[in-house]
C-alpha atoms as a PDB file:
ATOM      1  CA  MET A   1      23.759  27.906  -7.638  1.00  0.00           C
ATOM      2  CA  GLU A   2      20.250  26.918  -8.830  1.00  0.00           C
ATOM      3  CA  ALA A   3      19.504  24.983  -5.675  1.00  0.00           C
ATOM      4  CA  ASP A   4      20.183  28.414  -3.563  1.00  0.00           C
ATOM      5  CA  ARG A   5      17.869  30.246  -5.609  1.00  0.00           C
ATOM      6  CA  LEU A   6      14.960  27.544  -5.104  1.00  0.00           C
ATOM      7  CA  VAL A   7      15.533  27.578  -1.600  1.00  0.00           C
ATOM      8  CA  ALA A   8      15.747  31.331  -1.290  1.00  0.00           C
ATOM      9  CA  THR A   9      12.285  31.488  -3.328  1.00  0.00           C
ATOM     10  CA  GLY A  10      10.803  28.812  -0.701  1.00  0.00           C
ATOM     11  CA  ARG A  11      10.725  25.869  -3.326  1.00  0.00           C
ATOM     12  CA  LEU A  12      12.753  23.480  -1.230  1.00  0.00           C
ATOM     13  CA  VAL A  13      11.203  20.478  -2.723  1.00  0.00           C
ATOM     14  CA  GLU A  14      12.212  21.649  -5.849  1.00  0.00           C
ATOM     15  CA  ALA A  15      15.835  22.160  -4.604  1.00  0.00           C
ATOM     16  CA  VAL A  16      15.961  18.615  -2.786  1.00  0.00           C
ATOM     17  CA  ASP A  17      14.994  17.049  -6.104  1.00  0.00           C
ATOM     18  CA  LEU A  18      17.616  19.059  -7.981  1.00  0.00           C
ATOM     19  CA  LEU A  19      20.597  18.322  -5.556  1.00  0.00           C
ATOM     20  CA  ALA A  20      19.608  14.686  -5.642  1.00  0.00           C
ATOM     21  CA  ALA A  21      19.748  14.730  -9.527  1.00  0.00           C
ATOM     22  CA  ALA A  22      23.227  16.529  -9.578  1.00  0.00           C
ATOM     23  CA  TYR A  23      24.632  14.097  -6.960  1.00  0.00           C
ATOM     24  CA  GLN A  24      23.532  10.982  -8.902  1.00  0.00           C
ATOM     25  CA  ALA A  25      25.252  12.279 -11.924  1.00  0.00           C
ATOM     26  CA  SER A  26      28.616  13.486 -10.181  1.00  0.00           C
ATOM     27  CA  PRO A  27      28.814  12.415  -6.438  1.00  0.00           C
ATOM     28  CA  ASP A  28      30.642  14.890  -4.691  1.00  0.00           C
ATOM     29  CA  PRO A  29      30.462  14.839  -0.263  1.00  0.00           C
ATOM     30  CA  ALA A  30      29.760  18.260  -0.221  1.00  0.00           C
ATOM     31  CA  VAL A  31      26.620  17.979  -2.015  1.00  0.00           C
ATOM     32  CA  ALA A  32      25.399  14.960  -0.248  1.00  0.00           C
ATOM     33  CA  ALA A  33      25.957  16.955   2.908  1.00  0.00           C
ATOM     34  CA  ARG A  34      23.976  19.659   1.488  1.00  0.00           C
ATOM     35  CA  LEU A  35      21.426  17.481   0.481  1.00  0.00           C
ATOM     36  CA  VAL A  36      21.247  16.061   3.935  1.00  0.00           C
ATOM     37  CA  ASP A  37      20.499  19.496   5.573  1.00  0.00           C
ATOM     38  CA  LEU A  38      18.127  20.465   3.029  1.00  0.00           C
ATOM     39  CA  ARG A  39      15.923  17.132   3.340  1.00  0.00           C
ATOM     40  CA  HIS A  40      15.649  18.317   6.884  1.00  0.00           C
ATOM     41  CA  GLN A  41      14.796  22.095   6.059  1.00  0.00           C
ATOM     42  CA  ALA A  42      12.326  20.983   3.603  1.00  0.00           C
ATOM     43  CA  ALA A  43      10.536  18.470   5.908  1.00  0.00           C
ATOM     44  CA  ARG A  44      10.603  21.208   8.613  1.00  0.00           C
ATOM     45  CA  SER A  45       8.707  23.858   6.410  1.00  0.00           C
ATOM     46  CA  TYR A  46       6.544  21.485   4.445  1.00  0.00           C
ATOM     47  CA  VAL A  47       2.907  21.855   5.145  1.00  0.00           C
ATOM     48  CA  PRO A  48       1.160  18.892   4.737  1.00  0.00           C
ATOM     49  CA  GLY A  49      -2.547  18.395   4.104  1.00  0.00           C
ATOM     50  CA  THR A  50      -5.101  15.981   5.908  1.00  0.00           C
ATOM     51  CA  GLY A  51      -3.967  12.843   4.758  1.00  0.00           C
ATOM     52  CA  ARG A  52      -5.111  10.057   2.491  1.00  0.00           C
ATOM     53  CA  THR A  53      -8.995   9.493   3.385  1.00  0.00           C
ATOM     54  CA  PRO A  54     -10.204   6.953   4.201  1.00  0.00           C
ATOM     55  CA  TRP A  55      -7.483   5.582   6.232  1.00  0.00           C
ATOM     56  CA  PRO A  56      -6.925   2.698   6.309  1.00  0.00           C
ATOM     57  CA  PRO A  57      -7.451   2.631   2.612  1.00  0.00           C
ATOM     58  CA  GLY A  58      -9.803  -0.542   1.665  1.00  0.00           C
ATOM     59  CA  TYR A  59      -7.309  -2.847  -0.027  1.00  0.00           C
ATOM     60  CA  GLY A  60      -8.809  -6.189  -1.512  1.00  0.00           C
ATOM     61  CA  ASP A  61      -6.162  -9.257  -0.274  1.00  0.00           C
ATOM     62  CA  PRO A  62      -3.505  -9.855  -3.261  1.00  0.00           C
ATOM     63  CA  PHE A  63      -2.815 -13.070  -2.019  1.00  0.00           C
ATOM     64  CA  PRO A  64      -5.983 -14.803  -0.774  1.00  0.00           C
ATOM     65  CA  HIS A  65      -4.478 -18.501  -0.630  1.00  0.00           C
ATOM     66  CA  VAL A  66      -1.652 -17.641   1.011  1.00  0.00           C
ATOM     67  CA  SER A  67      -1.759 -18.377   4.930  1.00  0.00           C
ATOM     68  CA  GLY A  68       0.974 -19.264   7.648  1.00  0.00           C
ATOM     69  CA  ARG A  69       3.722 -17.540   5.588  1.00  0.00           C
ATOM     70  CA  LEU A  70       4.207 -14.041   4.137  1.00  0.00           C
ATOM     71  CA  PRO A  71       3.397 -13.423   0.602  1.00  0.00           C
ATOM     72  CA  GLU A  72       6.411 -12.420  -2.031  1.00  0.00           C
ATOM     73  CA  THR A  73       6.918 -10.577  -4.888  1.00  0.00           C
ATOM     74  CA  GLY A  74       9.616  -9.277  -7.260  1.00  0.00           C
ATOM     75  CA  ILE A  75      10.617  -5.906  -7.183  1.00  0.00           C
ATOM     76  CA  ALA A  76       9.363  -5.277 -10.918  1.00  0.00           C
ATOM     77  CA  GLU A  77       5.783  -6.481  -9.739  1.00  0.00           C
ATOM     78  CA  LEU A  78       5.537  -4.086  -6.673  1.00  0.00           C
ATOM     79  CA  THR A  79       2.869  -1.852  -6.464  1.00  0.00           C
ATOM     80  CA  ALA A  80       1.019   0.473  -3.963  1.00  0.00           C
ATOM     81  CA  ASP A  81      -1.930  -1.634  -4.206  1.00  0.00           C
ATOM     82  CA  MET A  82      -0.155  -5.091  -3.841  1.00  0.00           C
ATOM     83  CA  LEU A  83       1.786  -3.587  -0.962  1.00  0.00           C
ATOM     84  CA  GLY A  84      -1.179  -1.680   0.772  1.00  0.00           C
ATOM     85  CA  GLY A  85      -2.889  -4.899   0.490  1.00  0.00           C
ATOM     86  CA  THR A  86      -0.404  -7.447   1.241  1.00  0.00           C
ATOM     87  CA  VAL A  87       0.183  -5.245   4.595  1.00  0.00           C
ATOM     88  CA  THR A  88      -3.578  -5.017   5.538  1.00  0.00           C
ATOM     89  CA  HIS A  89      -4.458  -8.607   5.264  1.00  0.00           C
ATOM     90  CA  HIS A  90      -0.827 -10.629   5.883  1.00  0.00           C
ATOM     91  CA  GLY A  91       1.123  -8.021   8.137  1.00  0.00           C
ATOM     92  CA  ALA A  92       4.206  -7.812   5.776  1.00  0.00           C
ATOM     93  CA  LEU A  93       5.312  -8.413   2.124  1.00  0.00           C
ATOM     94  CA  ILE A  94       8.663 -10.003   0.987  1.00  0.00           C
ATOM     95  CA  VAL A  95      10.111  -8.114  -1.868  1.00  0.00           C
ATOM     96  CA  ARG A  96      13.036 -10.454  -3.571  1.00  0.00           C
ATOM     97  CA  ALA A  97      15.898  -8.761  -5.594  1.00  0.00           C
ATOM     98  CA  MET A  98      15.203  -4.939  -4.675  1.00  0.00           C
ATOM     99  CA  PHE A  99      18.604  -4.295  -4.708  1.00  0.00           C
ATOM    100  CA  ASP A 100      20.939  -6.100  -7.187  1.00  0.00           C
ATOM    101  CA  ASP A 101      24.357  -7.185  -6.703  1.00  0.00           C
ATOM    102  CA  THR A 102      26.067  -3.932  -7.743  1.00  0.00           C
ATOM    103  CA  ARG A 103      23.808  -2.069  -5.393  1.00  0.00           C
ATOM    104  CA  VAL A 104      24.521  -4.436  -2.387  1.00  0.00           C
ATOM    105  CA  ARG A 105      27.904  -4.330  -2.471  1.00  0.00           C
ATOM    106  CA  ARG A 106      27.675  -0.551  -2.692  1.00  0.00           C
ATOM    107  CA  CYS A 107      25.734  -0.451   0.611  1.00  0.00           C
ATOM    108  CA  VAL A 108      28.014  -2.837   2.383  1.00  0.00           C
ATOM    109  CA  ASP A 109      31.077  -0.836   1.299  1.00  0.00           C
ATOM    110  CA  ALA A 110      29.243   2.003   2.599  1.00  0.00           C
ATOM    111  CA  ILE A 111      28.198   0.769   6.233  1.00  0.00           C
ATOM    112  CA  HIS A 112      31.948  -0.172   6.512  1.00  0.00           C
ATOM    113  CA  SER A 113      33.072   3.233   5.421  1.00  0.00           C
ATOM    114  CA  ALA A 114      30.734   4.786   7.579  1.00  0.00           C
ATOM    115  CA  GLN A 115      31.554   2.884  10.592  1.00  0.00           C
ATOM    116  CA  ALA A 116      35.458   3.421  10.170  1.00  0.00           C
ATOM    117  CA  ALA A 117      35.004   7.350   9.777  1.00  0.00           C
ATOM    118  CA  ARG A 118      32.951   7.186  12.838  1.00  0.00           C
ATOM    119  CA  ASP A 119      35.720   5.373  14.928  1.00  0.00           C
ATOM    120  CA  ASP A 120      38.072   7.917  13.262  1.00  0.00           C
ATOM    121  CA  GLY A 121      36.356  10.719  14.346  1.00  0.00           C
ATOM    122  CA  SER A 122      38.858  13.373  12.239  1.00  0.00           C
ATOM    123  CA  ALA A 123      37.822  16.338  10.548  1.00  0.00           C
ATOM    124  CA  GLU A 124      38.725  14.691   7.202  1.00  0.00           C
ATOM    125  CA  ALA A 125      36.394  11.960   7.738  1.00  0.00           C
ATOM    126  CA  ALA A 126      33.331  14.368   8.165  1.00  0.00           C
ATOM    127  CA  GLU A 127      34.588  16.357   5.214  1.00  0.00           C
ATOM    128  CA  SER A 128      34.742  13.027   3.253  1.00  0.00           C
ATOM    129  CA  GLY A 129      30.882  12.907   3.832  1.00  0.00           C
ATOM    130  CA  ARG A 130      31.267   9.151   5.120  1.00  0.00           C
ATOM    131  CA  TYR A 131      30.327  10.218   8.810  1.00  0.00           C
ATOM    132  CA  ARG A 132      29.017  13.757   9.754  1.00  0.00           C
ATOM    133  CA  LEU A 133      26.787  13.912  12.924  1.00  0.00           C
ATOM    134  CA  PHE A 134      23.521  15.371  12.046  1.00  0.00           C
ATOM    135  CA  PRO A 135      22.878  17.858  14.987  1.00  0.00           C
ATOM    136  CA  THR A 136      20.767  16.617  17.848  1.00  0.00           C
ATOM    137  CA  THR A 137      19.280  18.501  20.549  1.00  0.00           C
ATOM    138  CA  THR A 138      18.276  16.176  23.464  1.00  0.00           C
ATOM    139  CA  ALA A 139      20.168  13.895  25.570  1.00  0.00           C
ATOM    140  CA  ARG A 140      17.494  10.927  24.671  1.00  0.00           C
ATOM    141  CA  GLN A 141      18.694  11.539  20.774  1.00  0.00           C
ATOM    142  CA  LYS A 142      22.766  11.304  22.071  1.00  0.00           C
ATOM    143  CA  ALA A 143      21.619   8.257  24.087  1.00  0.00           C
ATOM    144  CA  LEU A 144      19.651   6.656  21.107  1.00  0.00           C
ATOM    145  CA  ARG A 145      22.678   7.105  18.996  1.00  0.00           C
ATOM    146  CA  GLU A 146      25.175   5.879  21.148  1.00  0.00           C
ATOM    147  CA  ARG A 147      23.098   2.660  21.569  1.00  0.00           C
ATOM    148  CA  ALA A 148      22.755   2.230  17.950  1.00  0.00           C
ATOM    149  CA  ALA A 149      26.580   2.588  17.415  1.00  0.00           C
ATOM    150  CA  ALA A 150      26.978   0.081  20.386  1.00  0.00           C
ATOM    151  CA  ALA A 151      24.591  -2.691  18.308  1.00  0.00           C
ATOM    152  CA  GLY A 152      26.810  -1.913  15.201  1.00  0.00           C
ATOM    153  CA  SER A 153      24.275   0.426  13.438  1.00  0.00           C
ATOM    154  CA  THR A 154      24.786   3.753  12.081  1.00  0.00           C
ATOM    155  CA  TRP A 155      22.164   6.573  11.607  1.00  0.00           C
ATOM    156  CA  LEU A 156      21.688   6.777   7.569  1.00  0.00           C
ATOM    157  CA  ALA A 157      21.535  10.790   7.954  1.00  0.00           C
ATOM    158  CA  ASP A 158      24.768  10.680   9.829  1.00  0.00           C
ATOM    159  CA  SER A 159      26.150   9.558   6.737  1.00  0.00           C
ATOM    160  CA  PRO A 160      25.697  11.945   3.854  1.00  0.00           C
ATOM    161  CA  VAL A 161      26.936  10.012   1.254  1.00  0.00           C
ATOM    162  CA  SER A 162      25.569   6.910   2.139  1.00  0.00           C
ATOM    163  CA  ALA A 163      22.079   8.790   2.377  1.00  0.00           C
ATOM    164  CA  ALA A 164      22.332   9.822  -0.924  1.00  0.00           C
ATOM    165  CA  GLY A 165      23.435   6.774  -2.545  1.00  0.00           C
ATOM    166  CA  MET A 166      20.812   4.416  -0.441  1.00  0.00           C
ATOM    167  CA  LEU A 167      18.018   6.996  -1.399  1.00  0.00           C
ATOM    168  CA  ASP A 168      18.693   7.028  -4.879  1.00  0.00           C
ATOM    169  CA  GLY A 169      18.788   3.350  -4.650  1.00  0.00           C
ATOM    170  CA  LEU A 170      15.339   3.077  -3.293  1.00  0.00           C
ATOM    171  CA  SER A 171      14.125   5.824  -5.811  1.00  0.00           C
ATOM    172  CA  SER A 172      15.494   4.054  -8.982  1.00  0.00           C
ATOM    173  CA  VAL A 173      13.824   0.914  -8.246  1.00  0.00           C
ATOM    174  CA  GLY A 174      10.436   2.690  -7.499  1.00  0.00           C
ATOM    175  CA  VAL A 175       9.957   2.226  -4.160  1.00  0.00           C
ATOM    176  CA  ILE A 176       9.796   5.575  -2.657  1.00  0.00           C
ATOM    177  CA  ASP A 177       7.048   6.086  -5.365  1.00  0.00           C
ATOM    178  CA  VAL A 178       4.827   2.916  -4.438  1.00  0.00           C
ATOM    179  CA  VAL A 179       5.004   4.324  -0.391  1.00  0.00           C
ATOM    180  CA  SER A 180       4.209   7.733  -1.647  1.00  0.00           C
ATOM    181  CA  GLU A 181       1.236   6.407  -3.393  1.00  0.00           C
ATOM    182  CA  HIS A 182       0.169   4.180  -0.493  1.00  0.00           C
ATOM    183  CA  LEU A 183       0.463   6.825   2.033  1.00  0.00           C
ATOM    184  CA  GLY A 184      -0.865   9.611  -0.336  1.00  0.00           C
ATOM    185  CA  GLU A 185       1.784  12.074   0.134  1.00  0.00           C
ATOM    186  CA  ARG A 186       5.737  12.035  -0.349  1.00  0.00           C
ATOM    187  CA  PRO A 187       7.192  10.632   2.769  1.00  0.00           C
ATOM    188  CA  PHE A 188       9.433  11.658   5.252  1.00  0.00           C
ATOM    189  CA  PHE A 189      12.117   9.569   6.602  1.00  0.00           C
ATOM    190  CA  SER A 190      13.802  10.352  10.048  1.00  0.00           C
ATOM    191  CA  LEU A 191      17.237  10.413  11.734  1.00  0.00           C
ATOM    192  CA  GLN A 192      16.262   7.848  14.252  1.00  0.00           C
ATOM    193  CA  LYS A 193      14.756   5.327  12.060  1.00  0.00           C
ATOM    194  CA  SER A 194      16.662   5.097   8.915  1.00  0.00           C
ATOM    195  CA  VAL A 195      19.926   2.751   9.763  1.00  0.00           C
ATOM    196  CA  MET A 196      22.785   0.892   8.392  1.00  0.00           C
ATOM    197  CA  ARG A 197      23.276  -2.181  10.186  1.00  0.00           C
ATOM    198  CA  ARG A 198      25.702  -4.572  11.117  1.00  0.00           C
ATOM    199  CA  VAL A 199      24.813  -7.033  13.509  1.00  0.00           C
ATOM    200  CA  PRO A 200      27.429  -9.033  15.196  1.00  0.00           C
ATOM    201  CA  ALA A 201      27.283 -12.468  15.412  1.00  0.00           C
ATOM    202  CA  THR A 202      26.335 -13.018  18.707  1.00  0.00           C
ATOM    203  CA  ALA A 203      23.829 -15.132  20.379  1.00  0.00           C
ATOM    204  CA  GLY A 204      21.235 -13.792  23.029  1.00  0.00           C
ATOM    205  CA  VAL A 205      17.498 -13.104  23.192  1.00  0.00           C
ATOM    206  CA  ALA A 206      15.473 -10.148  21.623  1.00  0.00           C
ATOM    207  CA  THR A 207      12.321  -9.311  22.639  1.00  0.00           C
ATOM    208  CA  TRP A 208       9.218  -9.063  20.203  1.00  0.00           C
ATOM    209  CA  HIS A 209       7.946  -5.762  19.421  1.00  0.00           C
ATOM    210  CA  GLN A 210       5.569  -3.603  17.299  1.00  0.00           C
ATOM    211  CA  ASP A 211       7.333  -0.068  16.263  1.00  0.00           C
ATOM    212  CA  GLY A 212       3.886   1.471  16.762  1.00  0.00           C
ATOM    213  CA  ALA A 213       3.993   0.968  20.817  1.00  0.00           C
ATOM    214  CA  PHE A 214       6.799   3.825  20.540  1.00  0.00           C
ATOM    215  CA  LEU A 215       5.368   6.152  17.807  1.00  0.00           C
ATOM    216  CA  ASP A 216       2.373   8.538  17.815  1.00  0.00           C
ATOM    217  CA  ALA A 217      -0.969   6.953  18.241  1.00  0.00           C
ATOM    218  CA  ASP A 218      -2.087   8.229  14.979  1.00  0.00           C
ATOM    219  CA  VAL A 219       1.417   7.580  13.023  1.00  0.00           C
ATOM    220  CA  ARG A 220       0.746   6.300   9.276  1.00  0.00           C
ATOM    221  CA  THR A 221       4.196   4.250   8.158  1.00  0.00           C
ATOM    222  CA  MET A 222       5.793   1.840   5.961  1.00  0.00           C
ATOM    223  CA  ASN A 223       9.150   0.423   6.776  1.00  0.00           C
ATOM    224  CA  VAL A 224      11.719  -0.756   4.126  1.00  0.00           C
ATOM    225  CA  TRP A 225      14.332  -3.437   5.518  1.00  0.00           C
ATOM    226  CA  ILE A 226      16.611  -4.785   2.811  1.00  0.00           C
ATOM    227  CA  ALA A 227      19.105  -7.799   3.498  1.00  0.00           C
ATOM    228  CA  LEU A 228      22.503  -7.116   2.238  1.00  0.00           C
ATOM    229  CA  SER A 229      24.065 -10.507   3.409  1.00  0.00           C
ATOM    230  CA  ARG A 230      22.306 -13.754   3.584  1.00  0.00           C
ATOM    231  CA  CYS A 231      20.164 -14.522   6.655  1.00  0.00           C
ATOM    232  CA  GLY A 232      17.077 -16.033   7.883  1.00  0.00           C
ATOM    233  CA  GLY A 233      15.855 -19.834   7.954  1.00  0.00           C
ATOM    234  CA  ASP A 234      19.072 -21.710   9.505  1.00  0.00           C
ATOM    235  CA  HIS A 235      21.753 -19.501   8.245  1.00  0.00           C
ATOM    236  CA  PRO A 236      24.303 -18.906  11.254  1.00  0.00           C
ATOM    237  CA  SER A 237      23.507 -14.857  11.182  1.00  0.00           C
ATOM    238  CA  PRO A 238      21.088 -12.895  13.099  1.00  0.00           C
ATOM    239  CA  ALA A 239      17.904 -13.222  11.285  1.00  0.00           C
ATOM    240  CA  LEU A 240      14.257 -11.476  11.484  1.00  0.00           C
ATOM    241  CA  GLU A 241      11.840 -13.683  13.317  1.00  0.00           C
ATOM    242  CA  VAL A 242       8.078 -12.866  12.392  1.00  0.00           C
ATOM    243  CA  ILE A 243       4.856 -13.679  12.879  1.00  0.00           C
ATOM    244  CA  PRO A 244       3.134 -14.014   9.229  1.00  0.00           C
ATOM    245  CA  ARG A 245      -0.086 -12.418  10.133  1.00  0.00           C
ATOM    246  CA  ARG A 246      -1.776  -8.829  10.325  1.00  0.00           C
ATOM    247  CA  VAL A 247      -2.316  -7.560  14.141  1.00  0.00           C
ATOM    248  CA  ALA A 248      -5.212  -4.881  14.165  1.00  0.00           C
ATOM    249  CA  GLU A 249      -4.218  -3.130  17.194  1.00  0.00           C
ATOM    250  CA  ILE A 250      -1.264  -2.288  19.354  1.00  0.00           C
ATOM    251  CA  LEU A 251      -0.577  -4.874  21.880  1.00  0.00           C
ATOM    252  CA  PRO A 252      -0.026  -4.036  25.435  1.00  0.00           C
ATOM    253  CA  VAL A 253       3.659  -3.885  26.475  1.00  0.00           C
ATOM    254  CA  GLN A 254       5.857  -4.135  29.581  1.00  0.00           C
ATOM    255  CA  ASP A 255       9.147  -2.348  30.545  1.00  0.00           C
ATOM    256  CA  ALA A 256      11.079  -5.762  31.123  1.00  0.00           C
ATOM    257  CA  PRO A 257      13.331  -7.042  29.771  1.00  0.00           C
ATOM    258  CA  THR A 258      13.184  -3.900  27.508  1.00  0.00           C
ATOM    259  CA  PRO A 259      11.114  -1.087  27.105  1.00  0.00           C
ATOM    260  CA  PHE A 260       7.873  -1.867  24.808  1.00  0.00           C
ATOM    261  CA  ALA A 261       8.648  -5.462  24.477  1.00  0.00           C
ATOM    262  CA  ILE A 262       5.276  -7.586  24.035  1.00  0.00           C
ATOM    263  CA  PRO A 263       5.030 -10.047  27.034  1.00  0.00           C
ATOM    264  CA  TRP A 264       5.643 -13.569  26.316  1.00  0.00           C
ATOM    265  CA  ASP A 265       2.191 -15.110  27.373  1.00  0.00           C
ATOM    266  CA  VAL A 266       1.005 -12.581  24.639  1.00  0.00           C
ATOM    267  CA  ILE A 267       3.133 -13.954  21.973  1.00  0.00           C
ATOM    268  CA  HIS A 268       2.884 -17.340  22.570  1.00  0.00           C
ATOM    269  CA  GLN A 269      -1.103 -17.261  22.350  1.00  0.00           C
ATOM    270  CA  ILE A 270      -0.696 -15.438  18.886  1.00  0.00           C
ATOM    271  CA  ALA A 271       2.378 -17.765  18.086  1.00  0.00           C
ATOM    272  CA  SER A 272      -0.060 -20.739  18.997  1.00  0.00           C
ATOM    273  CA  GLU A 273      -2.642 -19.540  16.118  1.00  0.00           C
ATOM    274  CA  THR A 274       0.036 -18.311  13.910  1.00  0.00           C
ATOM    275  CA  PRO A 275       3.500 -19.924  14.295  1.00  0.00           C
ATOM    276  CA  ALA A 276       6.298 -17.900  13.957  1.00  0.00           C
ATOM    277  CA  MET A 277       8.919 -18.038  11.131  1.00  0.00           C
ATOM    278  CA  ARG A 278      12.376 -16.912   9.902  1.00  0.00           C
ATOM    279  CA  PRO A 279      11.979 -15.817   6.373  1.00  0.00           C
ATOM    280  CA  GLU A 280      15.219 -16.592   4.229  1.00  0.00           C
ATOM    281  CA  PHE A 281      16.854 -13.431   2.600  1.00  0.00           C
ATOM    282  CA  ALA A 282      19.198 -13.662  -0.118  1.00  0.00           C
ATOM    283  CA  PRO A 283      21.535 -10.212  -0.314  1.00  0.00           C
ATOM    284  CA  GLY A 284      19.203  -7.422  -2.005  1.00  0.00           C
ATOM    285  CA  ASP A 285      15.865  -9.295  -0.753  1.00  0.00           C
ATOM    286  CA  ALA A 286      13.436  -6.625   1.278  1.00  0.00           C
ATOM    287  CA  ILE A 287      10.403  -7.021   3.639  1.00  0.00           C
ATOM    288  CA  MET A 288       7.933  -4.221   4.136  1.00  0.00           C
ATOM    289  CA  PHE A 289       5.662  -3.789   6.951  1.00  0.00           C
ATOM    290  CA  ASP A 290       4.001  -0.986   8.804  1.00  0.00           C
ATOM    291  CA  GLU A 291       4.062   0.190  12.459  1.00  0.00           C
ATOM    292  CA  ARG A 292       1.704  -2.923  13.629  1.00  0.00           C
ATOM    293  CA  PHE A 293       4.036  -5.762  12.478  1.00  0.00           C
ATOM    294  CA  LEU A 294       4.996  -8.429  15.063  1.00  0.00           C
ATOM    295  CA  HIS A 295       8.853  -9.132  14.946  1.00  0.00           C
ATOM    296  CA  ARG A 296      12.202  -9.191  16.550  1.00  0.00           C
ATOM    297  CA  THR A 297      15.611  -9.901  15.859  1.00  0.00           C
ATOM    298  CA  TYR A 298      16.528 -13.896  16.023  1.00  0.00           C
ATOM    299  CA  LEU A 299      19.436 -14.450  18.054  1.00  0.00           C
ATOM    300  CA  GLU A 300      18.944 -17.632  19.729  1.00  0.00           C
ATOM    301  CA  ARG A 301      21.482 -20.146  18.522  1.00  0.00           C
ATOM    302  CA  PRO A 302      25.169 -20.127  17.918  1.00  0.00           C
ATOM    303  CA  MET A 303      26.039 -17.676  15.077  1.00  0.00           C
ATOM    304  CA  SER A 304      29.191 -17.258  12.981  1.00  0.00           C
ATOM    305  CA  GLU A 305      28.278 -14.484  10.732  1.00  0.00           C
ATOM    306  CA  PRO A 306      27.510 -10.810  11.087  1.00  0.00           C
ATOM    307  CA  ARG A 307      24.168  -9.813   9.400  1.00  0.00           C
ATOM    308  CA  TYR A 308      24.131  -6.290   6.973  1.00  0.00           C
ATOM    309  CA  ALA A 309      21.033  -4.693   6.653  1.00  0.00           C
ATOM    310  CA  LEU A 310      19.604  -1.295   5.549  1.00  0.00           C
ATOM    311  CA  GLU A 311      16.231   0.035   7.242  1.00  0.00           C
ATOM    312  CA  CYS A 312      14.407   2.747   6.392  1.00  0.00           C
ATOM    313  CA  TRP A 313      11.596   3.855   8.145  1.00  0.00           C
ATOM    314  CA  PHE A 314       8.902   6.459   5.967  1.00  0.00           C
ATOM    315  CA  PHE A 315       6.321   8.483   7.365  1.00  0.00           C
ATOM    316  CA  ALA A 316       3.185  10.247   6.255  1.00  0.00           C
ATOM    317  CA  PRO A 317       4.004  13.977   6.752  1.00  0.00           C
ATOM    318  CA  SER A 318       0.499  14.482   7.884  1.00  0.00           C
ATOM    319  CA  HIS A 319       0.739  12.052  10.627  1.00  0.00           C
ATOM    320  CA  PRO A 320       4.233  11.748  11.270  1.00  0.00           C
ATOM    321  CA  ALA A 321       6.275  10.353  14.712  1.00  0.00           C
ATOM    322  CA  SER A 322       6.678  13.713  16.643  1.00  0.00           C
ATOM    323  CA  ALA A 323       9.575  12.569  18.396  1.00  0.00           C
ATOM    324  CA  TYR A 324      11.619  11.924  15.532  1.00  0.00           C
ATOM    325  CA  ILE A 325      13.918  14.219  13.433  1.00  0.00           C
ATOM    326  CA  PRO A 326      12.343  14.535   9.780  1.00  0.00           C
ATOM    327  CA  PHE A 327      13.811  14.525   6.214  1.00  0.00           C
ATOM    328  CA  LEU A 328      11.948  14.785   3.034  1.00  0.00           C
ATOM    329  CA  ALA A 329      12.455  11.468   1.035  1.00  0.00           C
END
């Protein structure tokens, strides 16, 4: 097999691209499983440079007249300069129709299929590529996986066929290329922070946070969060609530009610200057932001519909999150 020959000669990145193209041309669960393993092997053996310099890049503001809300664009207009400039000056960028209706239906089907296979737990379910636990080594990693499952989430790399399909989707619309150009290097994604979500219709309270609070101090990231069902605004499903501004630093956190929660008095002070909002998302719409963005899951009203979403955090290989298991995107 050509991929094996490339691996044997140390050309793992080429092997990943070859297998990804092979799966796209002819989906095969065995190829999908091999591809997940090879992405991890490629990430572990990757020798990054020093990373993009200077960092952060000196982007101009693509939306100088937007204030008090998040800028928006369509997927056809998305560029690295637009993404980097918007995140730098506004905190996040909404990208409309990142996935079309066909891709959205495939993703929702993949979520149902992966969760059913996880509940099944049979060897046949694993061989189908719908759900196959990627090996973890620590009690904390096991606990995080169990917590994700309890919240209606499945780690993307635990479902090889889902990972192959969703990464192909992000690549085909140019998102991975845009993130690569912004970071200055081909990114990694991680086991623990690339997640397929079916958030149940349950009211409650979720805390505000910045993901940078629990990542390495010098990490470089870009998150892609794609709604796979209608949510936000006044829609009766769990939503994202955000502060539509750039926060320059990682804010102090407290351990209660949850670890890494930003204290309510800090949030109230910031929201008094820039009120929080719940952006409306149609299926396929996305929001992109980095580790400094202030956000939470909004649950504080009666809910009647679950929310489906894909979340994929990308990391610069030169400045990754050391506690997270990496895969080459």
